Amino acid sequence: MGRLTELLPNAIWMFLNNERRKRLFTSDHIRSILLFCFDDASLARKNTVKRDELLSELERLNDEHPDIVKNFLA
């Protein structure tokens, strides 16, 4: 979980700045947001889930709760 913690600030920055479709925004970046912002450990720990599925879930959660990611580091 330490690696996901380290990725979180950059992951949030990339997500909020629409860098989502770039290769630098990896599955681990998405997992870190899911785990820490949405407390979704189930998807965060599954390495078998594809990046696009993780991103879809993150975008769905963000649409439902738009202020969580934005305010997480504030």
N, C-alpha and C. Protein backbone atom coordinates (compact mmCIF):
# COMPACT_ATOMS: atom_id res chain seq x y z
N MET A 1 0.82 -1.19 0.00
CA MET A 1 0.00 0.00 0.00
C MET A 1 0.87 1.26 0.00
N GLY A 2 2.13 1.12 0.37
CA GLY A 2 3.02 2.27 0.41
C GLY A 2 3.19 2.93 -0.95
N ARG A 3 3.30 2.10 -1.99
CA ARG A 3 3.45 2.65 -3.34
C ARG A 3 2.21 3.44 -3.75
N LEU A 4 1.04 2.93 -3.42
CA LEU A 4 -0.20 3.65 -3.76
C LEU A 4 -0.28 4.98 -3.03
N THR A 5 0.22 5.01 -1.81
CA THR A 5 0.24 6.27 -1.04
C THR A 5 1.13 7.30 -1.73
N GLU A 6 2.29 6.85 -2.20
CA GLU A 6 3.22 7.76 -2.88
C GLU A 6 2.64 8.31 -4.17
N LEU A 7 1.83 7.52 -4.86
CA LEU A 7 1.28 7.93 -6.14
C LEU A 7 0.09 8.88 -6.02
N LEU A 8 -0.53 8.92 -4.86
CA LEU A 8 -1.79 9.64 -4.71
C LEU A 8 -1.75 11.11 -5.13
N PRO A 9 -0.81 11.93 -4.68
CA PRO A 9 -0.84 13.35 -5.09
C PRO A 9 -0.77 13.53 -6.61
N ASN A 10 0.13 12.80 -7.27
CA ASN A 10 0.22 12.90 -8.73
C ASN A 10 -1.01 12.33 -9.40
N ALA A 11 -1.55 11.27 -8.85
CA ALA A 11 -2.75 10.65 -9.42
C ALA A 11 -3.92 11.63 -9.40
N ILE A 12 -4.11 12.29 -8.28
CA ILE A 12 -5.20 13.26 -8.17
C ILE A 12 -4.98 14.42 -9.14
N TRP A 13 -3.76 14.92 -9.22
CA TRP A 13 -3.46 16.02 -10.13
C TRP A 13 -3.77 15.62 -11.57
N MET A 14 -3.31 14.44 -11.99
CA MET A 14 -3.55 13.99 -13.36
C MET A 14 -5.04 13.80 -13.62
N PHE A 15 -5.74 13.23 -12.66
CA PHE A 15 -7.18 12.99 -12.84
C PHE A 15 -7.94 14.30 -12.98
N LEU A 16 -7.65 15.26 -12.13
CA LEU A 16 -8.36 16.54 -12.17
C LEU A 16 -7.99 17.38 -13.38
N ASN A 17 -6.82 17.13 -13.96
CA ASN A 17 -6.38 17.89 -15.13
C ASN A 17 -6.57 17.13 -16.43
N ASN A 18 -7.49 16.18 -16.41
CA ASN A 18 -7.87 15.42 -17.60
C ASN A 18 -6.71 14.72 -18.29
N GLU A 19 -5.79 14.24 -17.51
CA GLU A 19 -4.67 13.46 -18.04
C GLU A 19 -5.01 11.96 -17.95
N ARG A 20 -6.28 11.64 -17.91
CA ARG A 20 -6.75 10.28 -17.65
C ARG A 20 -6.45 9.30 -18.78
N ARG A 21 -6.47 9.75 -19.97
CA ARG A 21 -6.30 8.85 -21.11
C ARG A 21 -4.85 8.69 -21.53
N LYS A 22 -3.97 9.35 -20.86
CA LYS A 22 -2.55 9.24 -21.20
C LYS A 22 -1.94 8.02 -20.53
N ARG A 23 -0.92 7.47 -21.13
CA ARG A 23 -0.28 6.27 -20.60
C ARG A 23 0.38 6.47 -19.25
N LEU A 24 0.70 7.69 -18.91
CA LEU A 24 1.33 7.94 -17.62
C LEU A 24 0.36 7.75 -16.45
N PHE A 25 -0.93 7.82 -16.73
CA PHE A 25 -1.97 7.63 -15.72
C PHE A 25 -2.27 6.12 -15.67
N THR A 26 -1.54 5.43 -14.82
CA THR A 26 -1.55 3.97 -14.80
C THR A 26 -2.66 3.41 -13.92
N SER A 27 -2.80 2.11 -13.97
CA SER A 27 -3.76 1.42 -13.10
C SER A 27 -3.45 1.69 -11.64
N ASP A 28 -2.18 1.77 -11.30
CA ASP A 28 -1.82 2.06 -9.90
C ASP A 28 -2.26 3.45 -9.48
N HIS A 29 -2.18 4.42 -10.37
CA HIS A 29 -2.69 5.76 -10.06
C HIS A 29 -4.19 5.69 -9.77
N ILE A 30 -4.90 4.98 -10.61
CA ILE A 30 -6.35 4.85 -10.44
C ILE A 30 -6.67 4.12 -9.14
N ARG A 31 -5.94 3.04 -8.87
CA ARG A 31 -6.16 2.28 -7.64
C ARG A 31 -5.92 3.15 -6.40
N SER A 32 -4.92 4.02 -6.45
CA SER A 32 -4.64 4.86 -5.29
C SER A 32 -5.81 5.80 -5.00
N ILE A 33 -6.41 6.37 -6.05
CA ILE A 33 -7.57 7.24 -5.84
C ILE A 33 -8.76 6.45 -5.32
N LEU A 34 -9.00 5.29 -5.92
CA LEU A 34 -10.12 4.46 -5.46
C LEU A 34 -9.96 4.08 -4.00
N LEU A 35 -8.75 3.72 -3.62
CA LEU A 35 -8.50 3.27 -2.25
C LEU A 35 -8.61 4.40 -1.25
N PHE A 36 -7.94 5.50 -1.48
CA PHE A 36 -7.85 6.55 -0.47
C PHE A 36 -9.00 7.56 -0.53
N CYS A 37 -9.48 7.88 -1.71
CA CYS A 37 -10.55 8.87 -1.80
C CYS A 37 -11.94 8.24 -1.62
N PHE A 38 -12.11 7.06 -2.18
CA PHE A 38 -13.42 6.43 -2.14
C PHE A 38 -13.46 5.21 -1.22
N ASP A 39 -12.36 4.93 -0.56
CA ASP A 39 -12.28 3.82 0.38
C ASP A 39 -12.74 2.52 -0.26
N ASP A 40 -12.36 2.31 -1.51
CA ASP A 40 -12.76 1.13 -2.26
C ASP A 40 -11.59 0.18 -2.38
N ALA A 41 -11.34 -0.57 -1.34
CA ALA A 41 -10.22 -1.49 -1.31
C ALA A 41 -10.46 -2.70 -2.21
N SER A 42 -11.69 -3.02 -2.49
CA SER A 42 -11.97 -4.21 -3.29
C SER A 42 -11.36 -4.10 -4.69
N LEU A 43 -11.59 -3.00 -5.38
CA LEU A 43 -11.00 -2.82 -6.70
C LEU A 43 -9.53 -2.42 -6.62
N ALA A 44 -9.17 -1.74 -5.59
CA ALA A 44 -7.80 -1.26 -5.46
C ALA A 44 -6.81 -2.41 -5.35
N ARG A 45 -7.23 -3.53 -4.81
CA ARG A 45 -6.31 -4.65 -4.60
C ARG A 45 -6.34 -5.69 -5.69
N LYS A 46 -7.32 -5.65 -6.56
CA LYS A 46 -7.43 -6.67 -7.61
C LYS A 46 -6.55 -6.29 -8.79
N ASN A 47 -5.51 -7.06 -9.01
CA ASN A 47 -4.61 -6.79 -10.12
C ASN A 47 -5.15 -7.35 -11.43
N THR A 48 -6.24 -8.10 -11.37
CA THR A 48 -6.80 -8.69 -12.58
C THR A 48 -7.74 -7.76 -13.31
N VAL A 49 -8.16 -6.68 -12.67
CA VAL A 49 -9.07 -5.73 -13.29
C VAL A 49 -8.28 -4.85 -14.25
N LYS A 50 -8.79 -4.70 -15.45
CA LYS A 50 -8.09 -3.91 -16.47
C LYS A 50 -8.19 -2.42 -16.19
N ARG A 51 -7.22 -1.70 -16.72
CA ARG A 51 -7.13 -0.26 -16.50
C ARG A 51 -8.41 0.46 -16.92
N ASP A 52 -8.96 0.12 -18.07
CA ASP A 52 -10.16 0.80 -18.54
C ASP A 52 -11.36 0.57 -17.62
N GLU A 53 -11.45 -0.62 -17.03
CA GLU A 53 -12.52 -0.91 -16.08
C GLU A 53 -12.34 -0.10 -14.81
N LEU A 54 -11.10 -0.01 -14.34
CA LEU A 54 -10.81 0.81 -13.16
C LEU A 54 -11.15 2.27 -13.42
N LEU A 55 -10.76 2.75 -14.58
CA LEU A 55 -11.02 4.15 -14.92
C LEU A 55 -12.51 4.42 -15.02
N SER A 56 -13.25 3.50 -15.59
CA SER A 56 -14.71 3.66 -15.69
C SER A 56 -15.34 3.74 -14.31
N GLU A 57 -14.88 2.88 -13.41
CA GLU A 57 -15.40 2.90 -12.04
C GLU A 57 -15.03 4.20 -11.34
N LEU A 58 -13.81 4.66 -11.51
CA LEU A 58 -13.39 5.92 -10.91
C LEU A 58 -14.22 7.08 -11.44
N GLU A 59 -14.43 7.13 -12.73
CA GLU A 59 -15.22 8.21 -13.32
C GLU A 59 -16.67 8.14 -12.84
N ARG A 60 -17.22 6.94 -12.70
CA ARG A 60 -18.59 6.79 -12.20
C ARG A 60 -18.70 7.32 -10.76
N LEU A 61 -17.76 6.90 -9.92
CA LEU A 61 -17.76 7.37 -8.53
C LEU A 61 -17.57 8.88 -8.46
N ASN A 62 -16.71 9.40 -9.30
CA ASN A 62 -16.47 10.84 -9.31
C ASN A 62 -17.71 11.61 -9.77
N ASP A 63 -18.45 11.05 -10.71
CA ASP A 63 -19.70 11.69 -11.15
C ASP A 63 -20.73 11.70 -10.03
N GLU A 64 -20.77 10.62 -9.25
CA GLU A 64 -21.73 10.52 -8.15
C GLU A 64 -21.34 11.41 -6.97
N HIS A 65 -20.05 11.57 -6.75
CA HIS A 65 -19.53 12.34 -5.61
C HIS A 65 -18.43 13.29 -6.12
N PRO A 66 -18.80 14.36 -6.80
CA PRO A 66 -17.80 15.19 -7.49
C PRO A 66 -16.81 15.92 -6.62
N ASP A 67 -17.09 16.09 -5.36
CA ASP A 67 -16.18 16.88 -4.51
C ASP A 67 -15.14 16.04 -3.77
N ILE A 68 -15.28 14.74 -3.76
CA ILE A 68 -14.38 13.91 -2.97
C ILE A 68 -12.94 14.01 -3.45
N VAL A 69 -12.69 13.76 -4.72
CA VAL A 69 -11.32 13.82 -5.22
C VAL A 69 -10.79 15.25 -5.18
N LYS A 70 -11.64 16.18 -5.57
CA LYS A 70 -11.23 17.59 -5.63
C LYS A 70 -10.79 18.11 -4.26
N ASN A 71 -11.47 17.67 -3.21
CA ASN A 71 -11.19 18.18 -1.87
C ASN A 71 -10.29 17.28 -1.05
N PHE A 72 -9.84 16.17 -1.59
CA PHE A 72 -9.11 15.20 -0.79
C PHE A 72 -7.80 15.77 -0.24
N LEU A 73 -7.06 16.46 -1.03
CA LEU A 73 -5.76 16.99 -0.60
C LEU A 73 -5.85 18.39 -0.01
N ALA A 74 -7.02 18.97 -0.05
CA ALA A 74 -7.19 20.35 0.45
C ALA A 74 -7.11 20.42 1.95
